[in-house]
Amino acid sequence: MKTNLKVLSLNTVRKMADAAEIEARKLGADVGIAVVAADASIFFTRSMDKVTGVLAREVMKRAQNALEDASCDNAEFIFNEEGNLGVLVIDGADEVINKQCAQAALSVIAEA
């Protein structure tokens, strides 16, 4: 997603995770959420009640690897005119629900 943000702040990342979690709860799903800033200044994960620690770590690893490889399943890249700001990965439910949760998280940036 293209945005006009200069950097991903911790406050923005938390709002993104909150939005994704709220959407997942509305849909009755349990997901793991990871956001990693491209400059490694922020690593943020959130796991819902029934998400195992293994999945939560896997989601974070995929987010970090996505920044290195510039590709990943369920990864949403966040960038501005100057380049990549970070990546958001959500997993734990089916593809449609994961996408809806990611869109809810990205809507926070669109409103900023």
PDB file of N, CA and C in Angstrom:
ATOM      1  N   MET A   1       0.835  -1.176   0.000  1.00  0.00           N
ATOM      2  CA  MET A   1       0.000   0.000   0.000  1.00  0.00           C
ATOM      3  C   MET A   1       0.878   1.237   0.000  1.00  0.00           C
ATOM      4  N   LYS A   2       0.530   2.176  -0.844  1.00  0.00           N
ATOM      5  CA  LYS A   2       1.278   3.427  -0.909  1.00  0.00           C
ATOM      6  C   LYS A   2       0.663   4.429   0.062  1.00  0.00           C
ATOM      7  N   THR A   3       1.516   5.098   0.813  1.00  0.00           N
ATOM      8  CA  THR A   3       1.055   6.053   1.809  1.00  0.00           C
ATOM      9  C   THR A   3       1.950   7.283   1.803  1.00  0.00           C
ATOM     10  N   ASN A   4       1.491   8.334   2.468  1.00  0.00           N
ATOM     11  CA  ASN A   4       2.301   9.542   2.569  1.00  0.00           C
ATOM     12  C   ASN A   4       3.047   9.628   3.907  1.00  0.00           C
ATOM     13  N   LEU A   5       2.993   8.585   4.719  1.00  0.00           N
ATOM     14  CA  LEU A   5       3.739   8.568   5.978  1.00  0.00           C
ATOM     15  C   LEU A   5       5.234   8.608   5.707  1.00  0.00           C
ATOM     16  N   LYS A   6       5.971   9.292   6.568  1.00  0.00           N
ATOM     17  CA  LYS A   6       7.430   9.316   6.442  1.00  0.00           C
ATOM     18  C   LYS A   6       8.055   8.093   7.101  1.00  0.00           C
ATOM     19  N   VAL A   7       7.510   7.682   8.245  1.00  0.00           N
ATOM     20  CA  VAL A   7       7.993   6.500   8.969  1.00  0.00           C
ATOM     21  C   VAL A   7       6.801   5.804   9.625  1.00  0.00           C
ATOM     22  N   LEU A   8       6.999   4.559   9.983  1.00  0.00           N
ATOM     23  CA  LEU A   8       5.989   3.848  10.772  1.00  0.00           C
ATOM     24  C   LEU A   8       6.303   4.074  12.247  1.00  0.00           C
ATOM     25  N   SER A   9       5.455   4.786  12.935  1.00  0.00           N
ATOM     26  CA  SER A   9       5.665   5.011  14.363  1.00  0.00           C
ATOM     27  C   SER A   9       5.043   3.857  15.152  1.00  0.00           C
ATOM     28  N   LEU A  10       5.486   3.697  16.372  1.00  0.00           N
ATOM     29  CA  LEU A  10       4.936   2.645  17.226  1.00  0.00           C
ATOM     30  C   LEU A  10       3.449   2.858  17.433  1.00  0.00           C
ATOM     31  N   ASN A  11       3.026   4.093  17.568  1.00  0.00           N
ATOM     32  CA  ASN A  11       1.607   4.404  17.744  1.00  0.00           C
ATOM     33  C   ASN A  11       0.785   3.957  16.532  1.00  0.00           C
ATOM     34  N   THR A  12       1.285   4.234  15.345  1.00  0.00           N
ATOM     35  CA  THR A  12       0.592   3.820  14.122  1.00  0.00           C
ATOM     36  C   THR A  12       0.526   2.308  14.018  1.00  0.00           C
ATOM     37  N   VAL A  13       1.634   1.655  14.323  1.00  0.00           N
ATOM     38  CA  VAL A  13       1.685   0.191  14.252  1.00  0.00           C
ATOM     39  C   VAL A  13       0.698  -0.433  15.233  1.00  0.00           C
ATOM     40  N   ARG A  14       0.614   0.109  16.425  1.00  0.00           N
ATOM     41  CA  ARG A  14      -0.344  -0.417  17.408  1.00  0.00           C
ATOM     42  C   ARG A  14      -1.778  -0.215  16.945  1.00  0.00           C
ATOM     43  N   LYS A  15      -2.056   0.929  16.359  1.00  0.00           N
ATOM     44  CA  LYS A  15      -3.402   1.169  15.824  1.00  0.00           C
ATOM     45  C   LYS A  15      -3.730   0.177  14.720  1.00  0.00           C
ATOM     46  N   MET A  16      -2.741  -0.136  13.887  1.00  0.00           N
ATOM     47  CA  MET A  16      -2.933  -1.119  12.831  1.00  0.00           C
ATOM     48  C   MET A  16      -3.257  -2.489  13.423  1.00  0.00           C
ATOM     49  N   ALA A  17      -2.495  -2.898  14.426  1.00  0.00           N
ATOM     50  CA  ALA A  17      -2.734  -4.193  15.070  1.00  0.00           C
ATOM     51  C   ALA A  17      -4.102  -4.221  15.745  1.00  0.00           C
ATOM     52  N   ASP A  18      -4.482  -3.119  16.382  1.00  0.00           N
ATOM     53  CA  ASP A  18      -5.804  -3.036  17.012  1.00  0.00           C
ATOM     54  C   ASP A  18      -6.910  -3.215  15.975  1.00  0.00           C
ATOM     55  N   ALA A  19      -6.776  -2.523  14.849  1.00  0.00           N
ATOM     56  CA  ALA A  19      -7.798  -2.606  13.798  1.00  0.00           C
ATOM     57  C   ALA A  19      -7.901  -4.026  13.249  1.00  0.00           C
ATOM     58  N   ALA A  20      -6.765  -4.669  13.038  1.00  0.00           N
ATOM     59  CA  ALA A  20      -6.771  -6.047  12.534  1.00  0.00           C
ATOM     60  C   ALA A  20      -7.400  -6.993  13.551  1.00  0.00           C
ATOM     61  N   GLU A  21      -7.086  -6.799  14.820  1.00  0.00           N
ATOM     62  CA  GLU A  21      -7.653  -7.664  15.860  1.00  0.00           C
ATOM     63  C   GLU A  21      -9.162  -7.463  15.985  1.00  0.00           C
ATOM     64  N   ILE A  22      -9.611  -6.232  15.930  1.00  0.00           N
ATOM     65  CA  ILE A  22     -11.053  -5.947  16.012  1.00  0.00           C
ATOM     66  C   ILE A  22     -11.776  -6.616  14.849  1.00  0.00           C
ATOM     67  N   GLU A  23     -11.209  -6.506  13.655  1.00  0.00           N
ATOM     68  CA  GLU A  23     -11.823  -7.138  12.483  1.00  0.00           C
ATOM     69  C   GLU A  23     -11.863  -8.661  12.642  1.00  0.00           C
ATOM     70  N   ALA A  24     -10.781  -9.238  13.130  1.00  0.00           N
ATOM     71  CA  ALA A  24     -10.739 -10.691  13.333  1.00  0.00           C
ATOM     72  C   ALA A  24     -11.793 -11.134  14.349  1.00  0.00           C
ATOM     73  N   ARG A  25     -11.942 -10.370  15.423  1.00  0.00           N
ATOM     74  CA  ARG A  25     -12.947 -10.721  16.431  1.00  0.00           C
ATOM     75  C   ARG A  25     -14.357 -10.621  15.856  1.00  0.00           C
ATOM     76  N   LYS A  26     -14.609  -9.611  15.028  1.00  0.00           N
ATOM     77  CA  LYS A  26     -15.912  -9.484  14.369  1.00  0.00           C
ATOM     78  C   LYS A  26     -16.205 -10.713  13.516  1.00  0.00           C
ATOM     79  N   LEU A  27     -15.154 -11.233  12.876  1.00  0.00           N
ATOM     80  CA  LEU A  27     -15.301 -12.375  11.980  1.00  0.00           C
ATOM     81  C   LEU A  27     -15.195 -13.715  12.709  1.00  0.00           C
ATOM     82  N   GLY A  28     -14.932 -13.676  14.005  1.00  0.00           N
ATOM     83  CA  GLY A  28     -14.828 -14.900  14.795  1.00  0.00           C
ATOM     84  C   GLY A  28     -13.577 -15.707  14.508  1.00  0.00           C
ATOM     85  N   ALA A  29     -12.504 -15.033  14.145  1.00  0.00           N
ATOM     86  CA  ALA A  29     -11.260 -15.715  13.793  1.00  0.00           C
ATOM     87  C   ALA A  29     -10.164 -15.382  14.792  1.00  0.00           C
ATOM     88  N   ASP A  30      -9.203 -16.271  14.888  1.00  0.00           N
ATOM     89  CA  ASP A  30      -8.002 -16.033  15.692  1.00  0.00           C
ATOM     90  C   ASP A  30      -6.828 -15.920  14.744  1.00  0.00           C
ATOM     91  N   VAL A  31      -6.130 -14.809  14.804  1.00  0.00           N
ATOM     92  CA  VAL A  31      -5.014 -14.575  13.894  1.00  0.00           C
ATOM     93  C   VAL A  31      -3.785 -14.102  14.660  1.00  0.00           C
ATOM     94  N   GLY A  32      -2.644 -14.263  14.004  1.00  0.00           N
ATOM     95  CA  GLY A  32      -1.400 -13.684  14.475  1.00  0.00           C
ATOM     96  C   GLY A  32      -1.083 -12.499  13.583  1.00  0.00           C
ATOM     97  N   ILE A  33      -0.601 -11.424  14.174  1.00  0.00           N
ATOM     98  CA  ILE A  33      -0.344 -10.180  13.457  1.00  0.00           C
ATOM     99  C   ILE A  33       1.111  -9.787  13.694  1.00  0.00           C
ATOM    100  N   ALA A  34       1.813  -9.434  12.631  1.00  0.00           N
ATOM    101  CA  ALA A  34       3.189  -8.949  12.767  1.00  0.00           C
ATOM    102  C   ALA A  34       3.382  -7.760  11.847  1.00  0.00           C
ATOM    103  N   VAL A  35       4.019  -6.732  12.384  1.00  0.00           N
ATOM    104  CA  VAL A  35       4.391  -5.563  11.593  1.00  0.00           C
ATOM    105  C   VAL A  35       5.870  -5.309  11.851  1.00  0.00           C
ATOM    106  N   VAL A  36       6.632  -5.165  10.771  1.00  0.00           N
ATOM    107  CA  VAL A  36       8.058  -4.890  10.893  1.00  0.00           C
ATOM    108  C   VAL A  36       8.376  -3.673  10.031  1.00  0.00           C
ATOM    109  N   ALA A  37       9.010  -2.681  10.648  1.00  0.00           N
ATOM    110  CA  ALA A  37       9.439  -1.501   9.904  1.00  0.00           C
ATOM    111  C   ALA A  37      10.665  -1.847   9.075  1.00  0.00           C
ATOM    112  N   ALA A  38      10.776  -1.267   7.909  1.00  0.00           N
ATOM    113  CA  ALA A  38      11.879  -1.579   7.002  1.00  0.00           C
ATOM    114  C   ALA A  38      13.238  -1.254   7.598  1.00  0.00           C
ATOM    115  N   ASP A  39      13.306  -0.238   8.448  1.00  0.00           N
ATOM    116  CA  ASP A  39      14.584   0.130   9.050  1.00  0.00           C
ATOM    117  C   ASP A  39      14.856  -0.613  10.359  1.00  0.00           C
ATOM    118  N   ALA A  40      14.024  -1.596  10.665  1.00  0.00           N
ATOM    119  CA  ALA A  40      14.168  -2.443  11.861  1.00  0.00           C
ATOM    120  C   ALA A  40      13.988  -1.668  13.158  1.00  0.00           C
ATOM    121  N   SER A  41      13.394  -0.494  13.092  1.00  0.00           N
ATOM    122  CA  SER A  41      13.176   0.280  14.311  1.00  0.00           C
ATOM    123  C   SER A  41      11.979  -0.229  15.104  1.00  0.00           C
ATOM    124  N   ILE A  42      11.067  -0.920  14.440  1.00  0.00           N
ATOM    125  CA  ILE A  42       9.869  -1.433  15.113  1.00  0.00           C
ATOM    126  C   ILE A  42       9.631  -2.875  14.687  1.00  0.00           C
ATOM    127  N   PHE A  43       9.474  -3.738  15.682  1.00  0.00           N
ATOM    128  CA  PHE A  43       9.025  -5.109  15.475  1.00  0.00           C
ATOM    129  C   PHE A  43       7.827  -5.269  16.390  1.00  0.00           C
ATOM    130  N   PHE A  44       6.677  -5.553  15.856  1.00  0.00           N
ATOM    131  CA  PHE A  44       5.479  -5.613  16.685  1.00  0.00           C
ATOM    132  C   PHE A  44       4.669  -6.848  16.329  1.00  0.00           C
ATOM    133  N   THR A  45       4.317  -7.639  17.335  1.00  0.00           N
ATOM    134  CA  THR A  45       3.453  -8.798  17.107  1.00  0.00           C
ATOM    135  C   THR A  45       2.284  -8.751  18.067  1.00  0.00           C
ATOM    136  N   ARG A  46       1.224  -9.340  17.631  1.00  0.00           N
ATOM    137  CA  ARG A  46       0.066  -9.530  18.500  1.00  0.00           C
ATOM    138  C   ARG A  46      -0.548 -10.868  18.121  1.00  0.00           C
ATOM    139  N   SER A  47      -0.870 -11.648  19.134  1.00  0.00           N
ATOM    140  CA  SER A  47      -1.513 -12.943  18.905  1.00  0.00           C
ATOM    141  C   SER A  47      -2.815 -12.972  19.669  1.00  0.00           C
ATOM    142  N   MET A  48      -3.829 -13.477  19.021  1.00  0.00           N
ATOM    143  CA  MET A  48      -5.117 -13.604  19.676  1.00  0.00           C
ATOM    144  C   MET A  48      -5.135 -14.868  20.521  1.00  0.00           C
ATOM    145  N   ASP A  49      -6.213 -15.030  21.272  1.00  0.00           N
ATOM    146  CA  ASP A  49      -6.304 -16.037  22.318  1.00  0.00           C
ATOM    147  C   ASP A  49      -5.883 -17.445  21.902  1.00  0.00           C
ATOM    148  N   LYS A  50      -6.380 -17.932  20.796  1.00  0.00           N
ATOM    149  CA  LYS A  50      -6.147 -19.326  20.427  1.00  0.00           C
ATOM    150  C   LYS A  50      -4.996 -19.522  19.448  1.00  0.00           C
ATOM    151  N   VAL A  51      -4.196 -18.499  19.246  1.00  0.00           N
ATOM    152  CA  VAL A  51      -3.054 -18.603  18.351  1.00  0.00           C
ATOM    153  C   VAL A  51      -1.855 -19.127  19.139  1.00  0.00           C
ATOM    154  N   THR A  52      -1.243 -20.184  18.623  1.00  0.00           N
ATOM    155  CA  THR A  52      -0.103 -20.781  19.320  1.00  0.00           C
ATOM    156  C   THR A  52       1.130 -19.903  19.186  1.00  0.00           C
ATOM    157  N   GLY A  53       2.038 -20.071  20.126  1.00  0.00           N
ATOM    158  CA  GLY A  53       3.298 -19.336  20.078  1.00  0.00           C
ATOM    159  C   GLY A  53       4.100 -19.658  18.829  1.00  0.00           C
ATOM    160  N   VAL A  54       3.967 -20.895  18.342  1.00  0.00           N
ATOM    161  CA  VAL A  54       4.681 -21.302  17.135  1.00  0.00           C
ATOM    162  C   VAL A  54       4.199 -20.484  15.940  1.00  0.00           C
ATOM    163  N   LEU A  55       2.888 -20.347  15.787  1.00  0.00           N
ATOM    164  CA  LEU A  55       2.355 -19.552  14.671  1.00  0.00           C
ATOM    165  C   LEU A  55       2.757 -18.089  14.817  1.00  0.00           C
ATOM    166  N   ALA A  56       2.709 -17.566  16.025  1.00  0.00           N
ATOM    167  CA  ALA A  56       3.076 -16.164  16.246  1.00  0.00           C
ATOM    168  C   ALA A  56       4.524 -15.912  15.833  1.00  0.00           C
ATOM    169  N   ARG A  57       5.423 -16.818  16.204  1.00  0.00           N
ATOM    170  CA  ARG A  57       6.833 -16.670  15.804  1.00  0.00           C
ATOM    171  C   ARG A  57       6.992 -16.816  14.292  1.00  0.00           C
ATOM    172  N   GLU A  58       6.235 -17.738  13.704  1.00  0.00           N
ATOM    173  CA  GLU A  58       6.295 -17.940  12.251  1.00  0.00           C
ATOM    174  C   GLU A  58       5.829 -16.699  11.497  1.00  0.00           C
ATOM    175  N   VAL A  59       4.779 -16.063  11.994  1.00  0.00           N
ATOM    176  CA  VAL A  59       4.268 -14.846  11.360  1.00  0.00           C
ATOM    177  C   VAL A  59       5.329 -13.752  11.410  1.00  0.00           C
ATOM    178  N   MET A  60       6.000 -13.611  12.551  1.00  0.00           N
ATOM    179  CA  MET A  60       7.054 -12.603  12.672  1.00  0.00           C
ATOM    180  C   MET A  60       8.225 -12.925  11.752  1.00  0.00           C
ATOM    181  N   LYS A  61       8.612 -14.196  11.677  1.00  0.00           N
ATOM    182  CA  LYS A  61       9.712 -14.585  10.785  1.00  0.00           C
ATOM    183  C   LYS A  61       9.356 -14.283   9.334  1.00  0.00           C
ATOM    184  N   ARG A  62       8.113 -14.572   8.960  1.00  0.00           N
ATOM    185  CA  ARG A  62       7.693 -14.299   7.579  1.00  0.00           C
ATOM    186  C   ARG A  62       7.736 -12.810   7.276  1.00  0.00           C
ATOM    187  N   ALA A  63       7.352 -11.993   8.248  1.00  0.00           N
ATOM    188  CA  ALA A  63       7.398 -10.543   8.050  1.00  0.00           C
ATOM    189  C   ALA A  63       8.840 -10.078   7.860  1.00  0.00           C
ATOM    190  N   GLN A  64       9.735 -10.572   8.693  1.00  0.00           N
ATOM    191  CA  GLN A  64      11.142 -10.184   8.572  1.00  0.00           C
ATOM    192  C   GLN A  64      11.733 -10.680   7.255  1.00  0.00           C
ATOM    193  N   ASN A  65      11.410 -11.909   6.882  1.00  0.00           N
ATOM    194  CA  ASN A  65      11.911 -12.459   5.624  1.00  0.00           C
ATOM    195  C   ASN A  65      11.336 -11.720   4.418  1.00  0.00           C
ATOM    196  N   ALA A  66      10.103 -11.268   4.533  1.00  0.00           N
ATOM    197  CA  ALA A  66       9.473 -10.537   3.430  1.00  0.00           C
ATOM    198  C   ALA A  66      10.236  -9.256   3.121  1.00  0.00           C
ATOM    199  N   LEU A  67      10.749  -8.612   4.156  1.00  0.00           N
ATOM    200  CA  LEU A  67      11.532  -7.398   3.931  1.00  0.00           C
ATOM    201  C   LEU A  67      12.825  -7.700   3.181  1.00  0.00           C
ATOM    202  N   GLU A  68      13.420  -8.832   3.486  1.00  0.00           N
ATOM    203  CA  GLU A  68      14.669  -9.208   2.829  1.00  0.00           C
ATOM    204  C   GLU A  68      14.437  -9.682   1.399  1.00  0.00           C
ATOM    205  N   ASP A  69      13.386 -10.485   1.213  1.00  0.00           N
ATOM    206  CA  ASP A  69      13.131 -11.103  -0.091  1.00  0.00           C
ATOM    207  C   ASP A  69      12.162 -10.313  -0.966  1.00  0.00           C
ATOM    208  N   ALA A  70      11.496  -9.335  -0.390  1.00  0.00           N
ATOM    209  CA  ALA A  70      10.489  -8.525  -1.083  1.00  0.00           C
ATOM    210  C   ALA A  70       9.323  -9.361  -1.605  1.00  0.00           C
ATOM    211  N   SER A  71       9.063 -10.492  -0.948  1.00  0.00           N
ATOM    212  CA  SER A  71       7.889 -11.301  -1.306  1.00  0.00           C
ATOM    213  C   SER A  71       7.550 -12.224  -0.138  1.00  0.00           C
ATOM    214  N   CYS A  72       6.263 -12.533  -0.025  1.00  0.00           N
ATOM    215  CA  CYS A  72       5.807 -13.429   1.036  1.00  0.00           C
ATOM    216  C   CYS A  72       4.312 -13.621   0.884  1.00  0.00           C
ATOM    217  N   ASP A  73       3.827 -14.815   1.217  1.00  0.00           N
ATOM    218  CA  ASP A  73       2.384 -15.040   1.239  1.00  0.00           C
ATOM    219  C   ASP A  73       1.780 -14.228   2.376  1.00  0.00           C
ATOM    220  N   ASN A  74       0.623 -13.678   2.150  1.00  0.00           N
ATOM    221  CA  ASN A  74      -0.111 -12.899   3.151  1.00  0.00           C
ATOM    222  C   ASN A  74       0.620 -11.635   3.588  1.00  0.00           C
ATOM    223  N   ALA A  75       1.594 -11.165   2.841  1.00  0.00           N
ATOM    224  CA  ALA A  75       2.330  -9.956   3.216  1.00  0.00           C
ATOM    225  C   ALA A  75       1.767  -8.749   2.483  1.00  0.00           C
ATOM    226  N   GLU A  76       1.606  -7.682   3.227  1.00  0.00           N
ATOM    227  CA  GLU A  76       1.175  -6.403   2.658  1.00  0.00           C
ATOM    228  C   GLU A  76       2.309  -5.411   2.882  1.00  0.00           C
ATOM    229  N   PHE A  77       2.888  -4.919   1.812  1.00  0.00           N
ATOM    230  CA  PHE A  77       4.002  -3.982   1.918  1.00  0.00           C
ATOM    231  C   PHE A  77       3.475  -2.560   2.018  1.00  0.00           C
ATOM    232  N   ILE A  78       4.130  -1.780   2.867  1.00  0.00           N
ATOM    233  CA  ILE A  78       3.751  -0.395   3.113  1.00  0.00           C
ATOM    234  C   ILE A  78       4.913   0.463   2.629  1.00  0.00           C
ATOM    235  N   PHE A  79       4.638   1.359   1.697  1.00  0.00           N
ATOM    236  CA  PHE A  79       5.721   2.171   1.156  1.00  0.00           C
ATOM    237  C   PHE A  79       5.253   3.586   0.863  1.00  0.00           C
ATOM    238  N   ASN A  80       6.232   4.472   0.708  1.00  0.00           N
ATOM    239  CA  ASN A  80       5.954   5.853   0.314  1.00  0.00           C
ATOM    240  C   ASN A  80       6.803   6.190  -0.897  1.00  0.00           C
ATOM    241  N   GLU A  81       6.877   7.435  -1.257  1.00  0.00           N
ATOM    242  CA  GLU A  81       7.645   7.852  -2.436  1.00  0.00           C
ATOM    243  C   GLU A  81       9.124   7.482  -2.328  1.00  0.00           C
ATOM    244  N   GLU A  82       9.642   7.468  -1.111  1.00  0.00           N
ATOM    245  CA  GLU A  82      11.072   7.227  -0.905  1.00  0.00           C
ATOM    246  C   GLU A  82      11.426   5.752  -0.851  1.00  0.00           C
ATOM    247  N   GLY A  83      10.436   4.883  -0.658  1.00  0.00           N
ATOM    248  CA  GLY A  83      10.727   3.449  -0.610  1.00  0.00           C
ATOM    249  C   GLY A  83       9.865   2.710   0.385  1.00  0.00           C
ATOM    250  N   ASN A  84      10.327   1.543   0.759  1.00  0.00           N
ATOM    251  CA  ASN A  84       9.577   0.651   1.629  1.00  0.00           C
ATOM    252  C   ASN A  84       9.631   1.117   3.082  1.00  0.00           C
ATOM    253  N   LEU A  85       8.448   1.215   3.713  1.00  0.00           N
ATOM    254  CA  LEU A  85       8.381   1.585   5.130  1.00  0.00           C
ATOM    255  C   LEU A  85       8.306   0.358   6.029  1.00  0.00           C
ATOM    256  N   GLY A  86       7.731  -0.726   5.518  1.00  0.00           N
ATOM    257  CA  GLY A  86       7.599  -1.918   6.333  1.00  0.00           C
ATOM    258  C   GLY A  86       6.682  -2.928   5.697  1.00  0.00           C
ATOM    259  N   VAL A  87       6.355  -3.938   6.495  1.00  0.00           N
ATOM    260  CA  VAL A  87       5.502  -5.018   6.004  1.00  0.00           C
ATOM    261  C   VAL A  87       4.564  -5.474   7.120  1.00  0.00           C
ATOM    262  N   LEU A  88       3.370  -5.876   6.723  1.00  0.00           N
ATOM    263  CA  LEU A  88       2.348  -6.392   7.630  1.00  0.00           C
ATOM    264  C   LEU A  88       2.029  -7.817   7.189  1.00  0.00           C
ATOM    265  N   VAL A  89       2.060  -8.760   8.142  1.00  0.00           N
ATOM    266  CA  VAL A  89       1.683 -10.138   7.850  1.00  0.00           C
ATOM    267  C   VAL A  89       0.640 -10.574   8.860  1.00  0.00           C
ATOM    268  N   ILE A  90      -0.459 -11.139   8.360  1.00  0.00           N
ATOM    269  CA  ILE A  90      -1.527 -11.665   9.215  1.00  0.00           C
ATOM    270  C   ILE A  90      -1.823 -13.077   8.755  1.00  0.00           C
ATOM    271  N   ASP A  91      -1.869 -14.017   9.706  1.00  0.00           N
ATOM    272  CA  ASP A  91      -2.157 -15.405   9.365  1.00  0.00           C
ATOM    273  C   ASP A  91      -2.848 -16.086  10.535  1.00  0.00           C
ATOM    274  N   GLY A  92      -3.480 -17.209  10.242  1.00  0.00           N
ATOM    275  CA  GLY A  92      -4.145 -17.988  11.272  1.00  0.00           C
ATOM    276  C   GLY A  92      -5.547 -18.388  10.868  1.00  0.00           C
ATOM    277  N   ALA A  93      -6.107 -17.670   9.924  1.00  0.00           N
ATOM    278  CA  ALA A  93      -7.451 -17.971   9.434  1.00  0.00           C
ATOM    279  C   ALA A  93      -7.340 -18.266   7.936  1.00  0.00           C
ATOM    280  N   ASP A  94      -8.484 -18.383   7.277  1.00  0.00           N
ATOM    281  CA  ASP A  94      -8.413 -18.620   5.828  1.00  0.00           C
ATOM    282  C   ASP A  94      -7.975 -17.347   5.113  1.00  0.00           C
ATOM    283  N   GLU A  95      -7.674 -17.483   3.841  1.00  0.00           N
ATOM    284  CA  GLU A  95      -7.097 -16.379   3.072  1.00  0.00           C
ATOM    285  C   GLU A  95      -7.996 -15.148   3.030  1.00  0.00           C
ATOM    286  N   VAL A  96      -9.293 -15.351   2.915  1.00  0.00           N
ATOM    287  CA  VAL A  96     -10.228 -14.228   2.835  1.00  0.00           C
ATOM    288  C   VAL A  96     -10.237 -13.436   4.142  1.00  0.00           C
ATOM    289  N   ILE A  97     -10.310 -14.132   5.262  1.00  0.00           N
ATOM    290  CA  ILE A  97     -10.324 -13.456   6.566  1.00  0.00           C
ATOM    291  C   ILE A  97      -8.993 -12.760   6.825  1.00  0.00           C
ATOM    292  N   ASN A  98      -7.882 -13.429   6.504  1.00  0.00           N
ATOM    293  CA  ASN A  98      -6.570 -12.799   6.670  1.00  0.00           C
ATOM    294  C   ASN A  98      -6.512 -11.487   5.889  1.00  0.00           C
ATOM    295  N   LYS A  99      -7.016 -11.499   4.647  1.00  0.00           N
ATOM    296  CA  LYS A  99      -7.019 -10.299   3.799  1.00  0.00           C
ATOM    297  C   LYS A  99      -7.899  -9.200   4.387  1.00  0.00           C
ATOM    298  N   GLN A 100      -9.075  -9.583   4.905  1.00  0.00           N
ATOM    299  CA  GLN A 100      -9.972  -8.583   5.494  1.00  0.00           C
ATOM    300  C   GLN A 100      -9.324  -7.923   6.704  1.00  0.00           C
ATOM    301  N   CYS A 101      -8.634  -8.707   7.506  1.00  0.00           N
ATOM    302  CA  CYS A 101      -7.949  -8.159   8.680  1.00  0.00           C
ATOM    303  C   CYS A 101      -6.810  -7.239   8.256  1.00  0.00           C
ATOM    304  N   ALA A 102      -6.086  -7.636   7.214  1.00  0.00           N
ATOM    305  CA  ALA A 102      -5.005  -6.790   6.698  1.00  0.00           C
ATOM    306  C   ALA A 102      -5.554  -5.477   6.162  1.00  0.00           C
ATOM    307  N   GLN A 103      -6.674  -5.529   5.456  1.00  0.00           N
ATOM    308  CA  GLN A 103      -7.281  -4.307   4.927  1.00  0.00           C
ATOM    309  C   GLN A 103      -7.737  -3.388   6.057  1.00  0.00           C
ATOM    310  N   ALA A 104      -8.260  -3.967   7.129  1.00  0.00           N
ATOM    311  CA  ALA A 104      -8.652  -3.158   8.293  1.00  0.00           C
ATOM    312  C   ALA A 104      -7.431  -2.458   8.884  1.00  0.00           C
ATOM    313  N   ALA A 105      -6.315  -3.180   8.984  1.00  0.00           N
ATOM    314  CA  ALA A 105      -5.094  -2.586   9.514  1.00  0.00           C
ATOM    315  C   ALA A 105      -4.571  -1.487   8.595  1.00  0.00           C
ATOM    316  N   LEU A 106      -4.598  -1.722   7.297  1.00  0.00           N
ATOM    317  CA  LEU A 106      -4.092  -0.738   6.356  1.00  0.00           C
ATOM    318  C   LEU A 106      -4.987   0.493   6.266  1.00  0.00           C
ATOM    319  N   SER A 107      -6.260   0.336   6.607  1.00  0.00           N
ATOM    320  CA  SER A 107      -7.162   1.486   6.575  1.00  0.00           C
ATOM    321  C   SER A 107      -6.741   2.547   7.596  1.00  0.00           C
ATOM    322  N   VAL A 108      -6.064   2.140   8.657  1.00  0.00           N
ATOM    323  CA  VAL A 108      -5.552   3.094   9.657  1.00  0.00           C
ATOM    324  C   VAL A 108      -4.565   4.047   8.995  1.00  0.00           C
ATOM    325  N   ILE A 109      -3.716   3.513   8.124  1.00  0.00           N
ATOM    326  CA  ILE A 109      -2.728   4.344   7.439  1.00  0.00           C
ATOM    327  C   ILE A 109      -3.409   5.245   6.422  1.00  0.00           C
ATOM    328  N   ALA A 110      -4.404   4.715   5.744  1.00  0.00           N
ATOM    329  CA  ALA A 110      -5.112   5.499   4.729  1.00  0.00           C
ATOM    330  C   ALA A 110      -5.779   6.726   5.346  1.00  0.00           C
ATOM    331  N   GLU A 111      -6.211   6.589   6.604  1.00  0.00           N
ATOM    332  CA  GLU A 111      -6.883   7.698   7.297  1.00  0.00           C
ATOM    333  C   GLU A 111      -5.897   8.690   7.880  1.00  0.00           C
ATOM    334  N   ALA A 112      -4.635   8.266   8.049  1.00  0.00           N
ATOM    335  CA  ALA A 112      -3.640   9.132   8.717  1.00  0.00           C
ATOM    336  C   ALA A 112      -3.232  10.296   7.853  1.00  0.00           C
TER     337      ALA A 112
END
